[in-house]
Amino acid sequence: MTAQTSMLHIRVEDDIKEQATQALTAMGLSVSDAVRLFLRRVVVDQAFPLELKVPNAETRAAMEESRAMMATRRARFASADELIADLEKNSSQ
């Protein structure tokens, strides 16, 4: 059984909408996704939700690497041993 939905209409200034759309896109969300998420958190927490921020450059690069790996179905490491060796090498830096 699917939930009933309602259309929500809001008015915002054009420049705010454009800037918000760009920021949300950088987070992987649409404006509609963000509004649904916002309302769900209000219901669950009975409070104004915490703010979301655009990921920093390192996080964005990791996200892009992950998306590229998923798109090509390739693994970053050929074996578990390579993964462990890389983790050990980078944990000592």
PDB file of N, CA and C in Angstrom:
ATOM      1  N   MET A   1       0.839  -1.176   0.000  1.00  0.00           N
ATOM      2  CA  MET A   1       0.000   0.000   0.000  1.00  0.00           C
ATOM      3  C   MET A   1       0.890   1.248   0.000  1.00  0.00           C
ATOM      4  N   THR A   2       0.674   2.139  -0.929  1.00  0.00           N
ATOM      5  CA  THR A   2       1.482   3.347  -1.011  1.00  0.00           C
ATOM      6  C   THR A   2       0.848   4.465  -0.201  1.00  0.00           C
ATOM      7  N   ALA A   3       1.712   5.326   0.323  1.00  0.00           N
ATOM      8  CA  ALA A   3       1.232   6.454   1.121  1.00  0.00           C
ATOM      9  C   ALA A   3       0.647   7.523   0.214  1.00  0.00           C
ATOM     10  N   GLN A   4      -0.371   8.188   0.712  1.00  0.00           N
ATOM     11  CA  GLN A   4      -0.913   9.324  -0.029  1.00  0.00           C
ATOM     12  C   GLN A   4       0.083  10.467   0.056  1.00  0.00           C
ATOM     13  N   THR A   5       0.172  11.237  -1.012  1.00  0.00           N
ATOM     14  CA  THR A   5       1.077  12.380  -1.025  1.00  0.00           C
ATOM     15  C   THR A   5       0.293  13.643  -1.341  1.00  0.00           C
ATOM     16  N   SER A   6       0.862  14.764  -0.964  1.00  0.00           N
ATOM     17  CA  SER A   6       0.272  16.069  -1.246  1.00  0.00           C
ATOM     18  C   SER A   6       1.318  16.942  -1.915  1.00  0.00           C
ATOM     19  N   MET A   7       0.856  17.850  -2.743  1.00  0.00           N
ATOM     20  CA  MET A   7       1.743  18.806  -3.394  1.00  0.00           C
ATOM     21  C   MET A   7       1.962  19.968  -2.431  1.00  0.00           C
ATOM     22  N   LEU A   8       3.193  20.412  -2.312  1.00  0.00           N
ATOM     23  CA  LEU A   8       3.538  21.533  -1.449  1.00  0.00           C
ATOM     24  C   LEU A   8       4.067  22.648  -2.340  1.00  0.00           C
ATOM     25  N   HIS A   9       3.453  23.813  -2.262  1.00  0.00           N
ATOM     26  CA  HIS A   9       3.889  24.966  -3.059  1.00  0.00           C
ATOM     27  C   HIS A   9       4.460  26.006  -2.112  1.00  0.00           C
ATOM     28  N   ILE A  10       5.652  26.491  -2.428  1.00  0.00           N
ATOM     29  CA  ILE A  10       6.270  27.536  -1.610  1.00  0.00           C
ATOM     30  C   ILE A  10       6.819  28.622  -2.530  1.00  0.00           C
ATOM     31  N   ARG A  11       6.920  29.803  -2.001  1.00  0.00           N
ATOM     32  CA  ARG A  11       7.504  30.915  -2.756  1.00  0.00           C
ATOM     33  C   ARG A  11       8.851  31.283  -2.145  1.00  0.00           C
ATOM     34  N   VAL A  12       9.855  31.354  -3.012  1.00  0.00           N
ATOM     35  CA  VAL A  12      11.187  31.810  -2.598  1.00  0.00           C
ATOM     36  C   VAL A  12      11.739  32.712  -3.686  1.00  0.00           C
ATOM     37  N   GLU A  13      12.656  33.556  -3.301  1.00  0.00           N
ATOM     38  CA  GLU A  13      13.298  34.439  -4.280  1.00  0.00           C
ATOM     39  C   GLU A  13      14.089  33.591  -5.271  1.00  0.00           C
ATOM     40  N   ASP A  14      14.116  34.024  -6.530  1.00  0.00           N
ATOM     41  CA  ASP A  14      14.790  33.267  -7.585  1.00  0.00           C
ATOM     42  C   ASP A  14      16.248  32.984  -7.254  1.00  0.00           C
ATOM     43  N   ASP A  15      16.970  33.991  -6.739  1.00  0.00           N
ATOM     44  CA  ASP A  15      18.395  33.783  -6.464  1.00  0.00           C
ATOM     45  C   ASP A  15      18.607  32.799  -5.316  1.00  0.00           C
ATOM     46  N   ILE A  16      17.727  32.805  -4.328  1.00  0.00           N
ATOM     47  CA  ILE A  16      17.829  31.847  -3.229  1.00  0.00           C
ATOM     48  C   ILE A  16      17.574  30.436  -3.742  1.00  0.00           C
ATOM     49  N   LYS A  17      16.565  30.294  -4.598  1.00  0.00           N
ATOM     50  CA  LYS A  17      16.256  28.972  -5.160  1.00  0.00           C
ATOM     51  C   LYS A  17      17.450  28.446  -5.951  1.00  0.00           C
ATOM     52  N   GLU A  18      18.050  29.291  -6.782  1.00  0.00           N
ATOM     53  CA  GLU A  18      19.187  28.870  -7.607  1.00  0.00           C
ATOM     54  C   GLU A  18      20.386  28.489  -6.737  1.00  0.00           C
ATOM     55  N   GLN A  19      20.694  29.308  -5.755  1.00  0.00           N
ATOM     56  CA  GLN A  19      21.831  29.015  -4.879  1.00  0.00           C
ATOM     57  C   GLN A  19      21.590  27.740  -4.066  1.00  0.00           C
ATOM     58  N   ALA A  20      20.364  27.569  -3.573  1.00  0.00           N
ATOM     59  CA  ALA A  20      20.032  26.365  -2.815  1.00  0.00           C
ATOM     60  C   ALA A  20      20.109  25.134  -3.705  1.00  0.00           C
ATOM     61  N   THR A  21      19.616  25.248  -4.934  1.00  0.00           N
ATOM     62  CA  THR A  21      19.662  24.128  -5.874  1.00  0.00           C
ATOM     63  C   THR A  21      21.104  23.702  -6.115  1.00  0.00           C
ATOM     64  N   GLN A  22      21.996  24.668  -6.305  1.00  0.00           N
ATOM     65  CA  GLN A  22      23.414  24.352  -6.533  1.00  0.00           C
ATOM     66  C   GLN A  22      24.031  23.668  -5.320  1.00  0.00           C
ATOM     67  N   ALA A  23      23.767  24.192  -4.127  1.00  0.00           N
ATOM     68  CA  ALA A  23      24.331  23.604  -2.911  1.00  0.00           C
ATOM     69  C   ALA A  23      23.788  22.201  -2.680  1.00  0.00           C
ATOM     70  N   LEU A  24      22.488  22.023  -2.862  1.00  0.00           N
ATOM     71  CA  LEU A  24      21.884  20.708  -2.657  1.00  0.00           C
ATOM     72  C   LEU A  24      22.374  19.693  -3.684  1.00  0.00           C
ATOM     73  N   THR A  25      22.545  20.134  -4.918  1.00  0.00           N
ATOM     74  CA  THR A  25      23.083  19.257  -5.960  1.00  0.00           C
ATOM     75  C   THR A  25      24.473  18.770  -5.567  1.00  0.00           C
ATOM     76  N   ALA A  26      25.282  19.655  -4.984  1.00  0.00           N
ATOM     77  CA  ALA A  26      26.615  19.268  -4.529  1.00  0.00           C
ATOM     78  C   ALA A  26      26.544  18.220  -3.426  1.00  0.00           C
ATOM     79  N   MET A  27      25.428  18.187  -2.687  1.00  0.00           N
ATOM     80  CA  MET A  27      25.224  17.189  -1.628  1.00  0.00           C
ATOM     81  C   MET A  27      24.523  15.938  -2.148  1.00  0.00           C
ATOM     82  N   GLY A  28      24.180  15.940  -3.433  1.00  0.00           N
ATOM     83  CA  GLY A  28      23.492  14.789  -4.011  1.00  0.00           C
ATOM     84  C   GLY A  28      21.992  14.779  -3.777  1.00  0.00           C
ATOM     85  N   LEU A  29      21.419  15.947  -3.491  1.00  0.00           N
ATOM     86  CA  LEU A  29      19.987  16.052  -3.215  1.00  0.00           C
ATOM     87  C   LEU A  29      19.308  17.004  -4.181  1.00  0.00           C
ATOM     88  N   SER A  30      18.037  16.755  -4.438  1.00  0.00           N
ATOM     89  CA  SER A  30      17.218  17.726  -5.163  1.00  0.00           C
ATOM     90  C   SER A  30      16.545  18.622  -4.129  1.00  0.00           C
ATOM     91  N   VAL A  31      15.934  19.699  -4.585  1.00  0.00           N
ATOM     92  CA  VAL A  31      15.195  20.575  -3.670  1.00  0.00           C
ATOM     93  C   VAL A  31      14.047  19.779  -3.040  1.00  0.00           C
ATOM     94  N   SER A  32      13.360  18.985  -3.823  1.00  0.00           N
ATOM     95  CA  SER A  32      12.267  18.167  -3.290  1.00  0.00           C
ATOM     96  C   SER A  32      12.769  17.179  -2.237  1.00  0.00           C
ATOM     97  N   ASP A  33      13.913  16.529  -2.514  1.00  0.00           N
ATOM     98  CA  ASP A  33      14.509  15.615  -1.529  1.00  0.00           C
ATOM     99  C   ASP A  33      14.783  16.347  -0.217  1.00  0.00           C
ATOM    100  N   ALA A  34      15.345  17.545  -0.327  1.00  0.00           N
ATOM    101  CA  ALA A  34      15.709  18.308   0.862  1.00  0.00           C
ATOM    102  C   ALA A  34      14.479  18.710   1.674  1.00  0.00           C
ATOM    103  N   VAL A  35      13.418  19.107   0.997  1.00  0.00           N
ATOM    104  CA  VAL A  35      12.191  19.491   1.704  1.00  0.00           C
ATOM    105  C   VAL A  35      11.590  18.276   2.405  1.00  0.00           C
ATOM    106  N   ARG A  36      11.562  17.115   1.713  1.00  0.00           N
ATOM    107  CA  ARG A  36      11.043  15.896   2.343  1.00  0.00           C
ATOM    108  C   ARG A  36      11.884  15.509   3.555  1.00  0.00           C
ATOM    109  N   LEU A  37      13.203  15.569   3.411  1.00  0.00           N
ATOM    110  CA  LEU A  37      14.112  15.251   4.509  1.00  0.00           C
ATOM    111  C   LEU A  37      13.893  16.212   5.681  1.00  0.00           C
ATOM    112  N   PHE A  38      13.803  17.485   5.374  1.00  0.00           N
ATOM    113  CA  PHE A  38      13.569  18.505   6.391  1.00  0.00           C
ATOM    114  C   PHE A  38      12.284  18.209   7.170  1.00  0.00           C
ATOM    115  N   LEU A  39      11.189  17.972   6.455  1.00  0.00           N
ATOM    116  CA  LEU A  39       9.910  17.737   7.117  1.00  0.00           C
ATOM    117  C   LEU A  39       9.919  16.452   7.938  1.00  0.00           C
ATOM    118  N   ARG A  40      10.556  15.415   7.415  1.00  0.00           N
ATOM    119  CA  ARG A  40      10.634  14.157   8.169  1.00  0.00           C
ATOM    120  C   ARG A  40      11.404  14.362   9.476  1.00  0.00           C
ATOM    121  N   ARG A  41      12.516  15.110   9.428  1.00  0.00           N
ATOM    122  CA  ARG A  41      13.298  15.354  10.651  1.00  0.00           C
ATOM    123  C   ARG A  41      12.505  16.200  11.646  1.00  0.00           C
ATOM    124  N   VAL A  42      11.741  17.157  11.160  1.00  0.00           N
ATOM    125  CA  VAL A  42      10.895  17.954  12.055  1.00  0.00           C
ATOM    126  C   VAL A  42       9.921  17.033  12.777  1.00  0.00           C
ATOM    127  N   VAL A  43       9.295  16.102  12.031  1.00  0.00           N
ATOM    128  CA  VAL A  43       8.326  15.181  12.629  1.00  0.00           C
ATOM    129  C   VAL A  43       9.016  14.260  13.639  1.00  0.00           C
ATOM    130  N   VAL A  44      10.110  13.660  13.251  1.00  0.00           N
ATOM    131  CA  VAL A  44      10.794  12.696  14.118  1.00  0.00           C
ATOM    132  C   VAL A  44      11.355  13.364  15.372  1.00  0.00           C
ATOM    133  N   ASP A  45      12.034  14.498  15.189  1.00  0.00           N
ATOM    134  CA  ASP A  45      12.723  15.158  16.307  1.00  0.00           C
ATOM    135  C   ASP A  45      11.851  16.156  17.061  1.00  0.00           C
ATOM    136  N   GLN A  46      10.743  16.551  16.439  1.00  0.00           N
ATOM    137  CA  GLN A  46       9.916  17.625  17.016  1.00  0.00           C
ATOM    138  C   GLN A  46      10.768  18.860  17.297  1.00  0.00           C
ATOM    139  N   ALA A  47      11.673  19.132  16.363  1.00  0.00           N
ATOM    140  CA  ALA A  47      12.591  20.270  16.482  1.00  0.00           C
ATOM    141  C   ALA A  47      13.096  20.630  15.098  1.00  0.00           C
ATOM    142  N   PHE A  48      13.671  21.804  14.985  1.00  0.00           N
ATOM    143  CA  PHE A  48      14.282  22.230  13.731  1.00  0.00           C
ATOM    144  C   PHE A  48      15.531  21.390  13.493  1.00  0.00           C
ATOM    145  N   PRO A  49      15.685  20.784  12.311  1.00  0.00           N
ATOM    146  CA  PRO A  49      16.823  19.886  12.070  1.00  0.00           C
ATOM    147  C   PRO A  49      18.164  20.616  11.980  1.00  0.00           C
ATOM    148  N   LEU A  50      19.218  19.836  12.152  1.00  0.00           N
ATOM    149  CA  LEU A  50      20.574  20.362  12.001  1.00  0.00           C
ATOM    150  C   LEU A  50      20.826  20.754  10.559  1.00  0.00           C
ATOM    151  N   GLU A  51      21.743  21.670  10.349  1.00  0.00           N
ATOM    152  CA  GLU A  51      22.022  22.086   8.977  1.00  0.00           C
ATOM    153  C   GLU A  51      22.959  21.114   8.273  1.00  0.00           C
ATOM    154  N   LEU A  52      22.770  20.972   6.974  1.00  0.00           N
ATOM    155  CA  LEU A  52      23.646  20.175   6.123  1.00  0.00           C
ATOM    156  C   LEU A  52      24.624  21.117   5.447  1.00  0.00           C
ATOM    157  N   LYS A  53      25.838  20.649   5.228  1.00  0.00           N
ATOM    158  CA  LYS A  53      26.852  21.482   4.586  1.00  0.00           C
ATOM    159  C   LYS A  53      27.391  20.782   3.355  1.00  0.00           C
ATOM    160  N   VAL A  54      27.910  21.571   2.434  1.00  0.00           N
ATOM    161  CA  VAL A  54      28.543  21.042   1.232  1.00  0.00           C
ATOM    162  C   VAL A  54      29.827  20.330   1.659  1.00  0.00           C
ATOM    163  N   PRO A  55      30.069  19.105   1.163  1.00  0.00           N
ATOM    164  CA  PRO A  55      31.289  18.396   1.539  1.00  0.00           C
ATOM    165  C   PRO A  55      32.537  19.145   1.077  1.00  0.00           C
ATOM    166  N   ASN A  56      33.628  18.988   1.843  1.00  0.00           N
ATOM    167  CA  ASN A  56      34.874  19.648   1.455  1.00  0.00           C
ATOM    168  C   ASN A  56      35.475  18.961   0.226  1.00  0.00           C
ATOM    169  N   ALA A  57      36.556  19.520  -0.292  1.00  0.00           N
ATOM    170  CA  ALA A  57      37.156  19.028  -1.542  1.00  0.00           C
ATOM    171  C   ALA A  57      37.593  17.572  -1.430  1.00  0.00           C
ATOM    172  N   GLU A  58      38.172  17.169  -0.300  1.00  0.00           N
ATOM    173  CA  GLU A  58      38.639  15.793  -0.127  1.00  0.00           C
ATOM    174  C   GLU A  58      37.462  14.817  -0.141  1.00  0.00           C
ATOM    175  N   THR A  59      36.388  15.186   0.533  1.00  0.00           N
ATOM    176  CA  THR A  59      35.206  14.333   0.572  1.00  0.00           C
ATOM    177  C   THR A  59      34.556  14.238  -0.802  1.00  0.00           C
ATOM    178  N   ARG A  60      34.474  15.379  -1.524  1.00  0.00           N
ATOM    179  CA  ARG A  60      33.904  15.356  -2.875  1.00  0.00           C
ATOM    180  C   ARG A  60      34.728  14.460  -3.794  1.00  0.00           C
ATOM    181  N   ALA A  61      36.059  14.520  -3.669  1.00  0.00           N
ATOM    182  CA  ALA A  61      36.926  13.675  -4.498  1.00  0.00           C
ATOM    183  C   ALA A  61      36.687  12.198  -4.193  1.00  0.00           C
ATOM    184  N   ALA A  62      36.535  11.857  -2.918  1.00  0.00           N
ATOM    185  CA  ALA A  62      36.268  10.468  -2.537  1.00  0.00           C
ATOM    186  C   ALA A  62      34.908  10.015  -3.066  1.00  0.00           C
ATOM    187  N   MET A  63      33.924  10.903  -3.029  1.00  0.00           N
ATOM    188  CA  MET A  63      32.599  10.568  -3.547  1.00  0.00           C
ATOM    189  C   MET A  63      32.660  10.310  -5.046  1.00  0.00           C
ATOM    190  N   GLU A  64      33.389  11.158  -5.762  1.00  0.00           N
ATOM    191  CA  GLU A  64      33.530  10.981  -7.214  1.00  0.00           C
ATOM    192  C   GLU A  64      34.272   9.687  -7.539  1.00  0.00           C
ATOM    193  N   GLU A  65      35.330   9.389  -6.770  1.00  0.00           N
ATOM    194  CA  GLU A  65      36.068   8.151  -6.980  1.00  0.00           C
ATOM    195  C   GLU A  65      35.142   6.949  -6.772  1.00  0.00           C
ATOM    196  N   SER A  66      34.336   7.008  -5.738  1.00  0.00           N
ATOM    197  CA  SER A  66      33.403   5.924  -5.451  1.00  0.00           C
ATOM    198  C   SER A  66      32.384   5.755  -6.578  1.00  0.00           C
ATOM    199  N   ARG A  67      31.844   6.872  -7.058  1.00  0.00           N
ATOM    200  CA  ARG A  67      30.871   6.798  -8.161  1.00  0.00           C
ATOM    201  C   ARG A  67      31.504   6.206  -9.414  1.00  0.00           C
ATOM    202  N   ALA A  68      32.729   6.621  -9.710  1.00  0.00           N
ATOM    203  CA  ALA A  68      33.423   6.100 -10.890  1.00  0.00           C
ATOM    204  C   ALA A  68      33.686   4.603 -10.745  1.00  0.00           C
ATOM    205  N   MET A  69      34.074   4.177  -9.547  1.00  0.00           N
ATOM    206  CA  MET A  69      34.325   2.757  -9.315  1.00  0.00           C
ATOM    207  C   MET A  69      33.038   1.953  -9.465  1.00  0.00           C
ATOM    208  N   MET A  70      31.943   2.476  -8.948  1.00  0.00           N
ATOM    209  CA  MET A  70      30.663   1.772  -9.075  1.00  0.00           C
ATOM    210  C   MET A  70      30.215   1.719 -10.527  1.00  0.00           C
ATOM    211  N   ALA A  71      30.469   2.784 -11.275  1.00  0.00           N
ATOM    212  CA  ALA A  71      30.049   2.830 -12.679  1.00  0.00           C
ATOM    213  C   ALA A  71      30.810   1.814 -13.518  1.00  0.00           C
ATOM    214  N   THR A  72      32.085   1.616 -13.207  1.00  0.00           N
ATOM    215  CA  THR A  72      32.907   0.671 -13.976  1.00  0.00           C
ATOM    216  C   THR A  72      33.006  -0.688 -13.299  1.00  0.00           C
ATOM    217  N   ARG A  73      32.422  -0.795 -12.109  1.00  0.00           N
ATOM    218  CA  ARG A  73      32.441  -2.042 -11.329  1.00  0.00           C
ATOM    219  C   ARG A  73      33.864  -2.520 -11.071  1.00  0.00           C
ATOM    220  N   ARG A  74      34.792  -1.577 -10.886  1.00  0.00           N
ATOM    221  CA  ARG A  74      36.165  -1.991 -10.609  1.00  0.00           C
ATOM    222  C   ARG A  74      36.482  -1.767  -9.137  1.00  0.00           C
ATOM    223  N   ALA A  75      37.375  -2.568  -8.630  1.00  0.00           N
ATOM    224  CA  ALA A  75      37.808  -2.428  -7.240  1.00  0.00           C
ATOM    225  C   ALA A  75      39.089  -1.612  -7.200  1.00  0.00           C
ATOM    226  N   ARG A  76      39.265  -0.862  -6.147  1.00  0.00           N
ATOM    227  CA  ARG A  76      40.483  -0.069  -5.995  1.00  0.00           C
ATOM    228  C   ARG A  76      41.678  -0.966  -5.696  1.00  0.00           C
ATOM    229  N   PHE A  77      41.426  -2.089  -5.034  1.00  0.00           N
ATOM    230  CA  PHE A  77      42.483  -3.031  -4.672  1.00  0.00           C
ATOM    231  C   PHE A  77      42.164  -4.388  -5.276  1.00  0.00           C
ATOM    232  N   ALA A  78      43.209  -5.087  -5.719  1.00  0.00           N
ATOM    233  CA  ALA A  78      43.021  -6.390  -6.355  1.00  0.00           C
ATOM    234  C   ALA A  78      42.760  -7.488  -5.332  1.00  0.00           C
ATOM    235  N   SER A  79      43.173  -7.248  -4.079  1.00  0.00           N
ATOM    236  CA  SER A  79      42.983  -8.283  -3.060  1.00  0.00           C
ATOM    237  C   SER A  79      42.831  -7.618  -1.692  1.00  0.00           C
ATOM    238  N   ALA A  80      42.382  -8.403  -0.733  1.00  0.00           N
ATOM    239  CA  ALA A  80      42.265  -7.915   0.642  1.00  0.00           C
ATOM    240  C   ALA A  80      43.641  -7.566   1.203  1.00  0.00           C
ATOM    241  N   ASP A  81      44.655  -8.329   0.808  1.00  0.00           N
ATOM    242  CA  ASP A  81      46.016  -8.048   1.286  1.00  0.00           C
ATOM    243  C   ASP A  81      46.489  -6.662   0.841  1.00  0.00           C
ATOM    244  N   GLU A  82      46.181  -6.297  -0.410  1.00  0.00           N
ATOM    245  CA  GLU A  82      46.539  -4.957  -0.899  1.00  0.00           C
ATOM    246  C   GLU A  82      45.821  -3.878  -0.099  1.00  0.00           C
ATOM    247  N   LEU A  83      44.571  -4.101   0.210  1.00  0.00           N
ATOM    248  CA  LEU A  83      43.800  -3.153   1.002  1.00  0.00           C
ATOM    249  C   LEU A  83      44.427  -2.976   2.383  1.00  0.00           C
ATOM    250  N   ILE A  84      44.737  -4.081   3.057  1.00  0.00           N
ATOM    251  CA  ILE A  84      45.337  -4.025   4.397  1.00  0.00           C
ATOM    252  C   ILE A  84      46.688  -3.320   4.338  1.00  0.00           C
ATOM    253  N   ALA A  85      47.493  -3.625   3.341  1.00  0.00           N
ATOM    254  CA  ALA A  85      48.805  -2.981   3.202  1.00  0.00           C
ATOM    255  C   ALA A  85      48.648  -1.477   3.025  1.00  0.00           C
ATOM    256  N   ASP A  86      47.668  -1.056   2.220  1.00  0.00           N
ATOM    257  CA  ASP A  86      47.435   0.375   2.013  1.00  0.00           C
ATOM    258  C   ASP A  86      46.966   1.044   3.299  1.00  0.00           C
ATOM    259  N   LEU A  87      46.085   0.389   4.029  1.00  0.00           N
ATOM    260  CA  LEU A  87      45.611   0.934   5.298  1.00  0.00           C
ATOM    261  C   LEU A  87      46.756   1.083   6.291  1.00  0.00           C
ATOM    262  N   GLU A  88      47.607   0.064   6.384  1.00  0.00           N
ATOM    263  CA  GLU A  88      48.735   0.127   7.298  1.00  0.00           C
ATOM    264  C   GLU A  88      49.722   1.214   6.898  1.00  0.00           C
ATOM    265  N   LYS A  89      49.973   1.358   5.600  1.00  0.00           N
ATOM    266  CA  LYS A  89      50.890   2.373   5.108  1.00  0.00           C
ATOM    267  C   LYS A  89      50.360   3.773   5.439  1.00  0.00           C
ATOM    268  N   ASN A  90      49.067   4.004   5.194  1.00  0.00           N
ATOM    269  CA  ASN A  90      48.497   5.324   5.419  1.00  0.00           C
ATOM    270  C   ASN A  90      48.224   5.621   6.879  1.00  0.00           C
ATOM    271  N   SER A  91      48.094   4.622   7.719  1.00  0.00           N
ATOM    272  CA  SER A  91      47.830   4.892   9.135  1.00  0.00           C
ATOM    273  C   SER A  91      49.099   5.327   9.865  1.00  0.00           C
ATOM    274  N   SER A  92      50.263   5.058   9.300  1.00  0.00           N
ATOM    275  CA  SER A  92      51.525   5.445   9.941  1.00  0.00           C
ATOM    276  C   SER A  92      51.996   6.824   9.507  1.00  0.00           C
ATOM    277  N   GLN A  93      51.258   7.466   8.621  1.00  0.00           N
ATOM    278  CA  GLN A  93      51.678   8.793   8.115  1.00  0.00           C
ATOM    279  C   GLN A  93      51.268   9.891   9.031  1.00  0.00           C
TER     280      GLN A  93
END
